Amino acid sequence: MIGMNLVEAISTRRSTHALCEPAPEDDAFVSLLEIAATAPDHGMLRPWRWILLRGAARLALGSYLSRGAPPERQHSASAKAKRTPLMAILVFKPSVHHKVFEWEQLAATSSMTYAMMLLLHASGFGSIWRTGSLCTNEELPRFLGLTAEERVLGSLDIGTPLAVPTDVRPTIDIASRVSTMSAPGLSTNELGKPIV
C-alpha cells in the first residue's frame, strides 16, 4: 500500500544499506513495476527486464560470485548475496538498429528504475542500487541465462529498513544549474542574467 505523496517520497527516499524481511512478494513487485513502467520511454520499447532472486537463488549467486573472486575476496563476494532478502537484477536489452538511440533506451530504463525506487519507498520498503562485480563479471550472464544481446546494469537490494534514515541532504545551489536564453544567440546565466 503506497502511503506517501510524491513530494514526500522524493524528498525522503534514501539508499538503505541495512535491509531485512519482509521484502515485497513477486506479485507486489509486479504491481509496483506496472506503475514504474509508465516512466518516459520513447517508442515504448521497454528495453529491460528484472530477475528476482530470493533465498536459495541468492545463495547460489553468492557462491557463484565467490568462485570467480580472488581468494582474499571470496568471502565478501559470497556475503553480498546475503545482505538483503530480495535482489532484483536489472537486465538491459536495447533494440538495435532502431530509430530510438540506445542512449535514449538506457535513459528510459534509468527513469523506470528510479520510479521503482520511489514506489518501493512510498510502500514502506527500502532499496539500494548496486553495480560492481554484477556488471563486470563476464560469466554472470550465462549463470543468469541472458541472451547475447542482454547485459546486467546492476541490481536493487530490496527489503524492510532496519532503521529509518534521518539524515538531511545538504543544500546545494540549484539556481546555478538553471539558465535561460532570452534571444537566439544570446547566452545568459542563471535566472536569465546576461553573461558578460
Protein backbone atom coordinates (compact mmCIF):
# COMPACT_ATOMS: atom_id res chain seq x y z
CA MET A 1 0.00 0.00 0.00
CA ILE A 2 1.51 3.30 -1.10
CA GLY A 3 1.32 5.67 1.87
CA MET A 4 3.16 8.85 0.80
CA ASN A 5 2.53 11.70 -1.54
CA LEU A 6 5.00 12.33 -4.35
CA VAL A 7 6.87 15.23 -2.74
CA GLU A 8 7.36 13.29 0.50
CA ALA A 9 8.54 10.20 -1.36
CA ILE A 10 11.08 12.10 -3.45
CA SER A 11 12.42 14.21 -0.58
CA THR A 12 12.74 11.39 1.98
CA ARG A 13 13.97 8.46 -0.14
CA ARG A 14 17.46 7.32 0.77
CA SER A 15 19.59 4.38 -0.27
CA THR A 16 19.17 1.85 2.52
CA HIS A 17 22.09 -0.45 3.33
CA ALA A 18 20.61 -2.47 6.23
CA LEU A 19 17.61 -4.43 4.99
CA CYS A 20 15.64 -7.34 6.43
CA GLU A 21 12.45 -9.28 5.78
CA PRO A 22 9.87 -8.69 4.60
CA ALA A 23 10.52 -7.76 1.01
CA PRO A 24 7.68 -7.32 -1.48
CA GLU A 25 6.30 -10.58 -2.84
CA ASP A 26 6.57 -11.18 -6.57
CA ASP A 27 3.01 -10.03 -7.28
CA ALA A 28 3.54 -6.83 -5.26
CA PHE A 29 6.79 -6.17 -7.15
CA VAL A 30 4.95 -6.60 -10.46
CA SER A 31 2.14 -4.28 -9.31
CA LEU A 32 4.64 -1.54 -8.50
CA LEU A 33 6.50 -2.19 -11.74
CA GLU A 34 3.30 -1.65 -13.73
CA ILE A 35 3.30 1.90 -12.35
CA ALA A 36 7.05 2.45 -12.70
CA ALA A 37 6.89 1.30 -16.32
CA THR A 38 4.86 4.39 -17.20
CA ALA A 39 8.10 6.43 -16.96
CA PRO A 40 9.07 8.25 -20.18
CA ASP A 41 10.05 5.68 -22.80
CA HIS A 42 10.47 6.94 -26.37
CA GLY A 43 8.97 4.31 -28.63
CA MET A 44 7.53 2.38 -25.68
CA LEU A 45 10.29 -0.19 -26.20
CA ARG A 46 10.68 -1.24 -22.56
CA PRO A 47 14.23 -2.48 -23.26
CA TRP A 48 14.62 -4.11 -19.85
CA ARG A 49 13.54 -6.94 -17.61
CA TRP A 50 14.02 -7.89 -13.98
CA ILE A 51 15.27 -11.16 -12.48
CA LEU A 52 14.17 -11.63 -8.85
CA LEU A 53 16.39 -13.70 -6.55
CA ARG A 54 15.38 -14.81 -3.07
CA GLY A 55 16.54 -17.49 -0.65
CA ALA A 56 18.40 -20.31 -2.35
CA ALA A 57 18.71 -18.36 -5.59
CA ARG A 58 20.53 -15.55 -3.81
CA LEU A 59 22.84 -18.01 -2.08
CA ALA A 60 23.60 -19.70 -5.40
CA LEU A 61 24.51 -16.34 -6.89
CA GLY A 62 26.74 -15.55 -3.92
CA SER A 63 28.50 -18.89 -4.27
CA TYR A 64 28.97 -18.28 -7.99
CA LEU A 65 30.41 -14.79 -7.47
CA SER A 66 32.80 -16.06 -4.79
CA ARG A 67 34.23 -18.75 -7.09
CA GLY A 68 35.30 -16.10 -9.58
CA ALA A 69 36.78 -13.75 -6.99
CA PRO A 70 40.40 -13.65 -5.80
CA PRO A 71 40.92 -15.78 -2.66
CA GLU A 72 41.07 -12.78 -0.35
CA ARG A 73 37.70 -11.51 -1.63
CA GLN A 74 35.73 -14.74 -1.90
CA HIS A 75 34.02 -14.35 1.47
CA SER A 76 32.91 -10.77 0.78
CA ALA A 77 31.71 -11.73 -2.70
CA SER A 78 29.56 -14.51 -1.26
CA ALA A 79 28.27 -12.27 1.55
CA LYS A 80 26.90 -9.73 -0.93
CA ALA A 81 24.02 -12.05 -1.77
CA LYS A 82 23.13 -12.48 1.91
CA ARG A 83 22.70 -8.83 2.81
CA THR A 84 19.15 -8.44 1.51
CA PRO A 85 16.01 -10.59 1.30
CA LEU A 86 15.41 -9.69 -2.35
CA MET A 87 17.84 -8.97 -5.15
CA ALA A 88 16.19 -7.59 -8.24
CA ILE A 89 18.69 -7.75 -11.09
CA LEU A 90 18.07 -5.30 -13.91
CA VAL A 91 18.78 -6.63 -17.40
CA PHE A 92 19.10 -4.20 -20.30
CA LYS A 93 18.20 -5.38 -23.81
CA PRO A 94 18.26 -2.45 -26.21
CA SER A 95 16.51 -2.65 -29.55
CA VAL A 96 19.37 -2.39 -32.01
CA HIS A 97 19.08 -0.62 -35.37
CA HIS A 98 16.07 1.26 -34.03
CA LYS A 99 15.35 4.94 -34.62
CA VAL A 100 15.38 5.39 -30.84
CA PHE A 101 19.04 5.68 -29.91
CA GLU A 102 20.46 3.22 -27.41
CA TRP A 103 21.25 6.07 -25.00
CA GLU A 104 17.57 7.02 -25.05
CA GLN A 105 16.64 3.43 -24.26
CA LEU A 106 19.11 3.47 -21.38
CA ALA A 107 17.64 6.75 -20.13
CA ALA A 108 14.16 5.21 -20.20
CA THR A 109 15.43 2.23 -18.22
CA SER A 110 17.02 4.55 -15.66
CA SER A 111 13.79 6.54 -15.34
CA MET A 112 11.80 3.37 -14.72
CA THR A 113 14.30 2.23 -12.09
CA TYR A 114 14.16 5.49 -10.16
CA ALA A 115 10.37 5.41 -10.28
CA MET A 116 10.53 1.88 -8.89
CA MET A 117 12.75 3.00 -6.02
CA LEU A 118 10.33 5.81 -5.17
CA LEU A 119 7.37 3.44 -5.24
CA LEU A 120 9.17 0.94 -3.02
CA HIS A 121 9.99 3.70 -0.54
CA ALA A 122 6.42 5.03 -0.58
CA SER A 123 5.23 1.48 0.14
CA GLY A 124 7.42 1.14 3.24
CA PHE A 125 10.32 -0.76 1.68
CA GLY A 126 13.94 0.25 1.40
CA SER A 127 16.27 -0.24 -1.54
CA ILE A 128 19.78 0.49 -2.71
CA TRP A 129 21.23 0.38 -6.21
CA ARG A 130 24.21 -1.97 -6.60
CA THR A 131 26.64 -2.38 -9.50
CA GLY A 132 30.24 -3.55 -9.12
CA SER A 133 31.00 -7.17 -9.97
CA LEU A 134 27.43 -7.77 -11.09
CA CYS A 135 28.16 -5.62 -14.12
CA THR A 136 31.75 -6.63 -14.78
CA ASN A 137 31.66 -10.40 -14.28
CA GLU A 138 31.95 -11.84 -17.78
CA GLU A 139 30.48 -15.21 -16.80
CA LEU A 140 27.45 -13.89 -14.90
CA PRO A 141 25.22 -13.51 -17.99
CA ARG A 142 25.48 -17.26 -18.59
CA PHE A 143 24.64 -18.01 -14.94
CA LEU A 144 21.54 -15.79 -15.24
CA GLY A 145 20.53 -17.20 -18.61
CA LEU A 146 20.90 -13.96 -20.54
CA THR A 147 20.99 -13.76 -24.31
CA ALA A 148 23.92 -12.30 -26.22
CA GLU A 149 22.00 -9.03 -26.63
CA GLU A 150 21.37 -8.58 -22.91
CA ARG A 151 23.58 -7.15 -20.18
CA VAL A 152 23.30 -6.60 -16.46
CA LEU A 153 23.05 -2.95 -15.43
CA GLY A 154 23.02 -3.66 -11.69
CA SER A 155 20.54 -4.71 -9.06
CA LEU A 156 18.25 -3.34 -6.42
CA ASP A 157 18.65 -4.76 -2.94
CA ILE A 158 15.14 -4.59 -1.53
CA GLY A 159 13.69 -5.21 1.92
CA THR A 160 12.43 -3.52 5.05
CA PRO A 161 14.83 -0.92 6.51
CA LEU A 162 16.28 -1.91 9.88
CA ALA A 163 16.32 1.79 10.71
CA VAL A 164 14.64 4.74 9.06
CA PRO A 165 17.31 7.07 7.66
CA THR A 166 17.06 10.51 9.24
CA ASP A 167 19.95 12.23 7.51
CA VAL A 168 19.29 15.56 5.83
CA ARG A 169 20.82 16.07 2.45
CA PRO A 170 22.99 19.17 2.18
CA THR A 171 21.55 22.16 0.40
CA ILE A 172 23.21 22.93 -2.91
CA ASP A 173 22.93 25.95 -5.15
CA ILE A 174 20.38 24.67 -7.64
CA ALA A 175 19.81 28.08 -9.25
CA SER A 176 23.30 27.96 -10.72
CA ARG A 177 22.25 24.84 -12.64
CA VAL A 178 19.48 26.71 -14.50
CA SER A 179 19.96 29.18 -17.31
CA THR A 180 17.64 30.85 -19.77
CA MET A 181 18.04 32.11 -23.29
CA SER A 182 16.22 35.34 -23.98
CA ALA A 183 17.01 35.55 -27.69
CA PRO A 184 18.74 33.34 -30.28
CA GLY A 185 22.50 33.56 -29.85
CA LEU A 186 22.31 35.47 -26.55
CA SER A 187 23.68 33.37 -23.73
CA THR A 188 22.52 34.06 -20.22
CA ASN A 189 23.44 32.63 -16.87
CA GLU A 190 21.17 31.62 -14.01
CA LEU A 191 17.70 33.15 -13.99
CA GLY A 192 18.22 34.99 -17.25
CA LYS A 193 21.02 37.38 -16.20
CA PRO A 194 23.17 38.24 -19.24
CA ILE A 195 26.65 36.73 -19.31
CA VAL A 196 29.32 39.44 -19.69
